[in-house]
Protein backbone atom coordinates (compact mmCIF):
# COMPACT_ATOMS: atom_id res chain seq x y z
CA UNK A 1 0.00 0.00 0.00
CA UNK A 2 1.05 3.60 -0.33
CA UNK A 3 2.57 3.84 3.12
CA UNK A 4 5.74 5.81 2.52
CA UNK A 5 7.34 8.50 0.43
CA UNK A 6 9.62 11.53 0.68
CA UNK A 7 9.27 13.35 3.95
CA UNK A 8 11.22 15.62 6.25
CA UNK A 9 9.86 14.11 9.44
CA UNK A 10 10.16 10.36 9.19
CA UNK A 11 13.05 7.93 8.98
CA UNK A 12 12.84 4.21 8.22
CA UNK A 13 15.91 2.00 8.26
CA UNK A 14 16.57 -1.57 7.28
CA UNK A 15 17.81 -3.39 4.22
CA UNK A 16 15.55 -5.68 2.15
CA UNK A 17 15.04 -8.96 3.95
CA UNK A 18 15.87 -7.54 7.36
CA UNK A 19 13.54 -6.64 10.16
CA UNK A 20 12.40 -3.04 10.09
CA UNK A 21 13.56 -0.62 12.73
CA UNK A 22 11.07 1.43 14.66
CA UNK A 23 9.93 4.60 12.91
CA UNK A 24 10.58 7.86 14.72
CA UNK A 25 9.33 11.34 14.05
CA UNK A 26 11.62 14.35 14.15
CA UNK A 27 10.16 17.15 16.26
CA UNK A 28 9.13 20.23 14.36
CA UNK A 29 8.00 23.61 15.53
CA UNK A 30 4.23 23.85 15.65
CA UNK A 31 2.75 26.67 13.62
CA UNK A 32 0.93 29.47 15.40
CA UNK A 33 -1.56 29.77 12.52
CA UNK A 34 -5.08 28.55 13.36
CA UNK A 35 -5.86 25.05 12.08
CA UNK A 36 -7.85 24.59 8.89
CA UNK A 37 -11.28 23.17 9.66
CA UNK A 38 -12.30 20.39 7.28
CA UNK A 39 -14.69 17.42 7.19
CA UNK A 40 -13.58 13.81 7.41
CA UNK A 41 -14.94 10.32 6.79
CA UNK A 42 -13.49 7.93 9.37
CA UNK A 43 -13.10 4.18 9.57
CA UNK A 44 -15.25 2.40 12.13
CA UNK A 45 -12.06 0.58 13.16
CA UNK A 46 -10.96 3.77 14.93
CA UNK A 47 -14.36 4.69 16.36
CA UNK A 48 -13.42 3.98 20.00
CA UNK A 49 -10.53 6.41 19.81
CA UNK A 50 -12.29 9.06 17.75
CA UNK A 51 -15.57 9.03 19.67
CA UNK A 52 -13.98 8.91 23.10
CA UNK A 53 -12.59 11.63 25.34
CA UNK A 54 -9.85 13.80 23.81
CA UNK A 55 -6.44 12.16 23.94
CA UNK A 56 -3.03 13.54 23.13
CA UNK A 57 -0.83 11.74 20.66
CA UNK A 58 2.21 12.28 18.51
CA UNK A 59 2.69 12.72 14.79
CA UNK A 60 4.45 9.58 13.59
CA UNK A 61 5.04 10.67 9.98
CA UNK A 62 3.94 13.29 7.47
CA UNK A 63 4.09 11.98 3.91
CA UNK A 64 2.80 13.34 0.59
CA UNK A 65 -0.32 11.14 0.68
CA UNK A 66 -0.82 10.40 4.37
CA UNK A 67 -0.33 11.64 7.91
CA UNK A 68 0.16 8.96 10.57
CA UNK A 69 -0.77 9.70 14.17
CA UNK A 70 0.09 7.49 17.13
CA UNK A 71 -1.71 7.31 20.48
CA UNK A 72 -0.25 5.47 23.45
CA UNK A 73 -1.80 2.95 25.83
CA UNK A 74 -4.49 2.45 27.00
CA UNK A 75 -6.02 3.38 23.65
CA UNK A 76 -7.41 0.24 21.97
CA UNK A 77 -5.98 -0.81 18.62
CA UNK A 78 -5.63 0.62 16.11
CA UNK A 79 -3.44 3.05 18.05
CA UNK A 80 -2.08 4.48 14.81
CA UNK A 81 -4.55 6.22 12.52
CA UNK A 82 -3.97 7.56 9.03
CA UNK A 83 -5.27 10.78 7.51
CA UNK A 84 -5.45 10.48 3.74
CA UNK A 85 -6.84 12.50 0.82
CA UNK A 86 -9.65 10.95 -1.26
CA UNK A 87 -7.35 9.73 -4.05
CA UNK A 88 -4.95 7.84 -1.73
CA UNK A 89 -5.08 4.22 -0.60
CA UNK A 90 -7.79 3.87 2.05
CA UNK A 91 -6.23 1.92 4.91
CA UNK A 92 -8.57 0.22 7.41
CA UNK A 93 -7.56 2.78 10.05
CA UNK A 94 -7.95 5.81 7.79
CA UNK A 95 -9.74 9.12 8.00
CA UNK A 96 -10.42 10.47 4.52
CA UNK A 97 -10.19 14.23 4.30
CA UNK A 98 -8.85 16.92 2.04
CA UNK A 99 -7.13 17.60 -0.18
CA UNK A 100 -4.97 19.45 2.29
CA UNK A 101 -1.51 20.84 2.88
CA UNK A 102 -0.13 19.57 6.16
CA UNK A 103 2.12 21.59 8.44
CA UNK A 104 4.60 19.30 10.25
CA UNK A 105 3.99 19.31 13.99
CA UNK A 106 5.10 16.91 16.74
CA UNK A 107 1.79 16.66 18.62
CA UNK A 108 -1.86 15.98 17.91
CA UNK A 109 -5.07 15.05 19.69
CA UNK A 110 -8.19 13.09 18.86
CA UNK A 111 -11.59 12.58 20.45
CA UNK A 112 -15.11 13.90 20.43
CA UNK A 113 -15.34 13.08 16.68
CA UNK A 114 -12.44 15.46 15.94
CA UNK A 115 -8.77 15.18 15.09
CA UNK A 116 -6.39 18.13 15.34
CA UNK A 117 -2.98 17.61 13.77
CA UNK A 118 -0.51 19.28 11.43
CA UNK A 119 -2.54 22.44 11.00
CA UNK A 120 -5.81 20.56 10.40
CA UNK A 121 -8.96 20.42 12.50
CA UNK A 122 -10.87 17.47 11.07
CA UNK A 123 -14.51 17.05 12.08
CA UNK A 124 -15.82 13.52 11.53
CA UNK A 125 -19.10 13.77 9.63
CA UNK A 126 -19.49 10.17 8.37
CA UNK A 127 -18.11 6.71 8.96
CA UNK A 128 -17.06 3.95 6.58
CA UNK A 129 -16.93 0.22 7.32
CA UNK A 130 -13.60 -1.56 6.62
CA UNK A 131 -15.22 -5.02 6.94
CA UNK A 132 -16.57 -6.19 3.56
CA UNK A 133 -19.88 -8.04 3.50
CA UNK A 134 -20.28 -11.08 1.26
CA UNK A 135 -23.36 -12.69 -0.20
CA UNK A 136 -23.78 -16.46 -0.69
CA UNK A 137 -20.52 -17.84 -2.11
CA UNK A 138 -19.90 -21.17 -3.81
CA UNK A 139 -16.61 -23.02 -3.68
CA UNK A 140 -16.43 -23.05 -7.49
CA UNK A 141 -16.83 -19.28 -7.68
CA UNK A 142 -14.16 -18.70 -5.05
CA UNK A 143 -11.78 -21.20 -6.65
CA UNK A 144 -12.10 -19.35 -9.96
CA UNK A 145 -11.49 -15.97 -8.34
CA UNK A 146 -8.46 -17.29 -6.48
CA UNK A 147 -6.98 -18.66 -9.71
CA UNK A 148 -7.48 -15.34 -11.50
CA UNK A 149 -5.79 -13.37 -8.72
CA UNK A 150 -2.91 -15.88 -8.61
CA UNK A 151 -2.36 -15.37 -12.32
CA UNK A 152 -2.51 -11.59 -12.01
CA UNK A 153 -0.03 -11.35 -9.16
CA UNK A 154 2.25 -14.23 -10.21
CA UNK A 155 1.70 -15.88 -6.86
CA UNK A 156 4.09 -18.67 -7.73
CA UNK A 157 6.94 -16.22 -7.10
CA UNK A 158 7.92 -14.92 -3.66
CA UNK A 159 6.90 -11.35 -2.84
CA UNK A 160 9.70 -9.01 -3.93
CA UNK A 161 10.21 -7.65 -0.43
CA UNK A 162 10.85 -11.19 0.87
CA UNK A 163 13.01 -12.58 -1.94
CA UNK A 164 15.14 -15.44 -0.67
CA UNK A 165 12.97 -16.10 2.38
CA UNK A 166 11.00 -19.31 2.81
CA UNK A 167 8.59 -17.82 5.35
CA UNK A 168 5.73 -17.04 2.92
CA UNK A 169 5.87 -20.53 1.42
CA UNK A 170 6.04 -22.13 4.87
CA UNK A 171 3.00 -20.16 5.99
CA UNK A 172 1.04 -21.03 2.84
CA UNK A 173 1.89 -24.74 3.08
CA UNK A 174 1.13 -25.02 6.79
CA UNK A 175 -2.21 -23.21 6.41
CA UNK A 176 -3.24 -25.41 3.49
CA UNK A 177 -2.33 -28.53 5.45
CA UNK A 178 -4.01 -27.41 8.66
CA UNK A 179 -0.65 -27.46 10.49
CA UNK A 180 -1.39 -25.03 13.31
CA UNK A 181 2.00 -25.21 15.00
CA UNK A 182 3.87 -24.70 11.75
CA UNK A 183 1.61 -21.84 10.69
CA UNK A 184 2.05 -20.07 14.04
CA UNK A 185 5.83 -20.44 13.76
CA UNK A 186 5.76 -18.99 10.24
CA UNK A 187 3.66 -16.02 11.34
CA UNK A 188 6.00 -15.29 14.23
CA UNK A 189 8.93 -15.33 11.81
CA UNK A 190 7.26 -13.05 9.26
CA UNK A 191 5.98 -10.31 11.57
CA UNK A 192 8.38 -7.38 11.33
CA UNK A 193 10.39 -8.94 8.47
CA UNK A 194 11.41 -6.40 5.85
CA UNK A 195 12.05 -2.66 5.63
CA UNK A 196 9.64 0.26 5.65
CA UNK A 197 6.68 1.60 7.58
CA UNK A 198 4.85 -1.67 6.87
CA UNK A 199 7.32 -4.56 6.44
CA UNK A 200 6.61 -7.06 3.66
CA UNK A 201 6.17 -9.92 6.10
CA UNK A 202 3.36 -8.08 7.88
CA UNK A 203 1.55 -7.52 4.58
CA UNK A 204 1.72 -11.21 3.71
CA UNK A 205 0.39 -12.17 7.15
CA UNK A 206 -2.42 -9.58 6.90
CA UNK A 207 -3.50 -10.97 3.52
CA UNK A 208 -3.61 -14.53 4.86
CA UNK A 209 -5.60 -13.51 7.95
CA UNK A 210 -8.15 -11.57 5.89
CA UNK A 211 -8.71 -14.37 3.39
CA UNK A 212 -9.01 -17.09 6.04
CA UNK A 213 -11.47 -15.11 8.13
CA UNK A 214 -13.57 -13.34 5.51
CA UNK A 215 -13.64 -15.91 2.68
CA UNK A 216 -13.46 -18.98 4.90
CA UNK A 217 -16.35 -17.58 6.90
CA UNK A 218 -18.76 -17.56 3.96
CA UNK A 219 -18.11 -20.91 2.23
CA UNK A 220 -19.63 -24.20 3.27
CA UNK A 221 -17.36 -26.01 5.73
CA UNK A 222 -15.21 -22.94 6.32
CA UNK A 223 -15.22 -23.17 10.10
CA UNK A 224 -11.71 -24.67 10.17
CA UNK A 225 -10.38 -21.71 8.21
CA UNK A 226 -11.91 -19.28 10.70
CA UNK A 227 -10.55 -21.36 13.58
CA UNK A 228 -7.08 -21.14 12.04
CA UNK A 229 -7.50 -17.40 11.51
CA UNK A 230 -8.28 -16.98 15.22
CA UNK A 231 -5.09 -18.71 16.30
CA UNK A 232 -2.90 -16.96 13.74
CA UNK A 233 -4.42 -13.60 14.65
CA UNK A 234 -3.41 -14.14 18.26
CA UNK A 235 0.12 -15.06 17.20
CA UNK A 236 0.44 -12.06 14.87
CA UNK A 237 -0.87 -9.44 17.28
CA UNK A 238 0.76 -10.61 20.51
CA UNK A 239 3.31 -7.89 21.42
CA UNK A 240 3.17 -6.75 17.80
CA UNK A 241 4.15 -3.23 18.80
CA UNK A 242 7.49 -4.60 20.03
CA UNK A 243 8.13 -6.77 16.97
CA UNK A 244 7.30 -4.42 14.11
CA UNK A 245 6.49 -0.77 13.45
CA UNK A 246 3.55 0.76 15.29
CA UNK A 247 1.69 1.35 12.01
CA UNK A 248 2.17 -2.27 10.94
CA UNK A 249 1.05 -3.47 14.38
CA UNK A 250 -2.19 -1.49 14.05
CA UNK A 251 -2.80 -2.92 10.58
CA UNK A 252 -2.23 -6.45 11.87
CA UNK A 253 -4.84 -5.85 14.58
CA UNK A 254 -7.25 -4.63 11.89
CA UNK A 255 -6.62 -7.70 9.72
CA UNK A 256 -7.12 -9.96 12.73
CA UNK A 257 -10.63 -8.51 13.08
CA UNK A 258 -11.41 -8.81 9.37
CA UNK A 259 -10.92 -5.10 8.66
CA UNK A 260 -9.24 -4.38 5.34
CA UNK A 261 -8.11 -1.47 3.22
CA UNK A 262 -10.81 -0.48 0.74
CA UNK A 263 -8.62 -1.68 -2.14
CA UNK A 264 -8.15 -5.08 -0.47
CA UNK A 265 -11.90 -5.34 0.17
CA UNK A 266 -12.52 -4.69 -3.52
CA UNK A 267 -10.19 -7.57 -4.44
CA UNK A 268 -11.87 -9.91 -1.94
CA UNK A 269 -15.29 -9.00 -3.33
CA UNK A 270 -13.92 -9.57 -6.82
CA UNK A 271 -12.68 -13.03 -5.85
CA UNK A 272 -16.19 -13.73 -4.60
CA UNK A 273 -17.68 -12.60 -7.92
CA UNK A 274 -19.46 -9.60 -6.44
CA UNK A 275 -17.30 -6.93 -8.11
CA UNK A 276 -14.97 -6.87 -11.15
CA UNK A 277 -11.74 -8.52 -10.02
CA UNK A 278 -9.15 -7.45 -12.57
CA UNK A 279 -9.49 -3.65 -12.14
CA UNK A 280 -9.44 -4.04 -8.35
CA UNK A 281 -6.37 -6.28 -8.49
CA UNK A 282 -4.58 -3.87 -10.81
CA UNK A 283 -5.06 -1.01 -8.35
CA UNK A 284 -3.88 -3.10 -5.40
CA UNK A 285 -0.86 -4.50 -7.23
CA UNK A 286 0.42 -1.07 -8.25
CA UNK A 287 0.44 0.14 -4.62
CA UNK A 288 3.49 -0.24 -2.40
CA UNK A 289 3.12 -3.51 -0.50
CA UNK A 290 0.11 -4.51 -2.60
CA UNK A 291 1.85 -7.51 -4.16
CA UNK A 292 2.58 -8.93 -0.70
CA UNK A 293 -1.03 -8.44 0.37
CA UNK A 294 -2.30 -10.09 -2.82
CA UNK A 295 0.11 -13.00 -2.30
CA UNK A 296 -1.28 -13.47 1.18
CA UNK A 297 -4.88 -13.30 -0.09
CA UNK A 298 -4.17 -16.11 -2.57
CA UNK A 299 -2.45 -18.26 0.06
CA UNK A 300 -5.26 -17.72 2.57
CA UNK A 301 -7.97 -18.39 0.00
CA UNK A 302 -6.36 -21.62 -1.17
CA UNK A 303 -6.05 -22.75 2.43
CA UNK A 304 -9.70 -21.91 3.15
CA UNK A 305 -10.80 -23.98 0.14
CA UNK A 306 -8.64 -26.96 1.12
CA UNK A 307 -9.61 -26.86 4.78
CA UNK A 308 -13.32 -26.76 3.94
CA UNK A 309 -13.20 -30.26 2.43
CA UNK A 310 -10.47 -31.95 4.47
């Protein structure tokens, strides 16, 4: 997904194939100009934070197409929320607002259906649901959609951010075979693996979790897939904030609950035959980290199909 880009306030270190370092924001002088009041459409995933009492947080990163804000304990996950313009990738923890011109600032606050950060005073006027809803779904329809997505994303190859690592293949094989212990071990190895605000390993894991839970939950005999998703979700989110970046940890918590980026939801609905698949897949695959997410969706879908008849 479009997580990163040029910025004067964020630094991400780590070579490809290595675990990402924590992201830190460089303090900047807050402007004395009054904030710009604007409307926002917020994800229901962040409703507890946004509807609750005002809380102070810090600006994690200011990028060309997103502002990331972090709130400390005891705020429930997602503790990192994104502010994005309408034409950007819509993460499951996103507030859509703008277009805008952010002013770098080290602090922010959220609550009472408002967010104040980087020279913006965003008033939440509507909510959007990051959990896609599926109609009746046949195994044949899902098998066809999975095959199409596999062809589009060349799922037989490892995700580029994890080249040379066996973790994605181990996770896919263990999920398909119903090997809980092996799948948990693979998830624990992948979380935090790779560079960037959202490491490639986290994206693969998120894709698998979403497919197992959302697609496995709507096909006949899919209870084993959902059971596996529950266990893997616990493994992925346990101490996630200490094993990967805070943004990636929040996205893993969203995936564990079946909450997806809008572009990922469109692909899932396309696999189910409820929306055109190829245009949705093309948009996802051109986004940073999208190939890893798509790879995980294929692996999770194949596992859900196999587990439903085994």
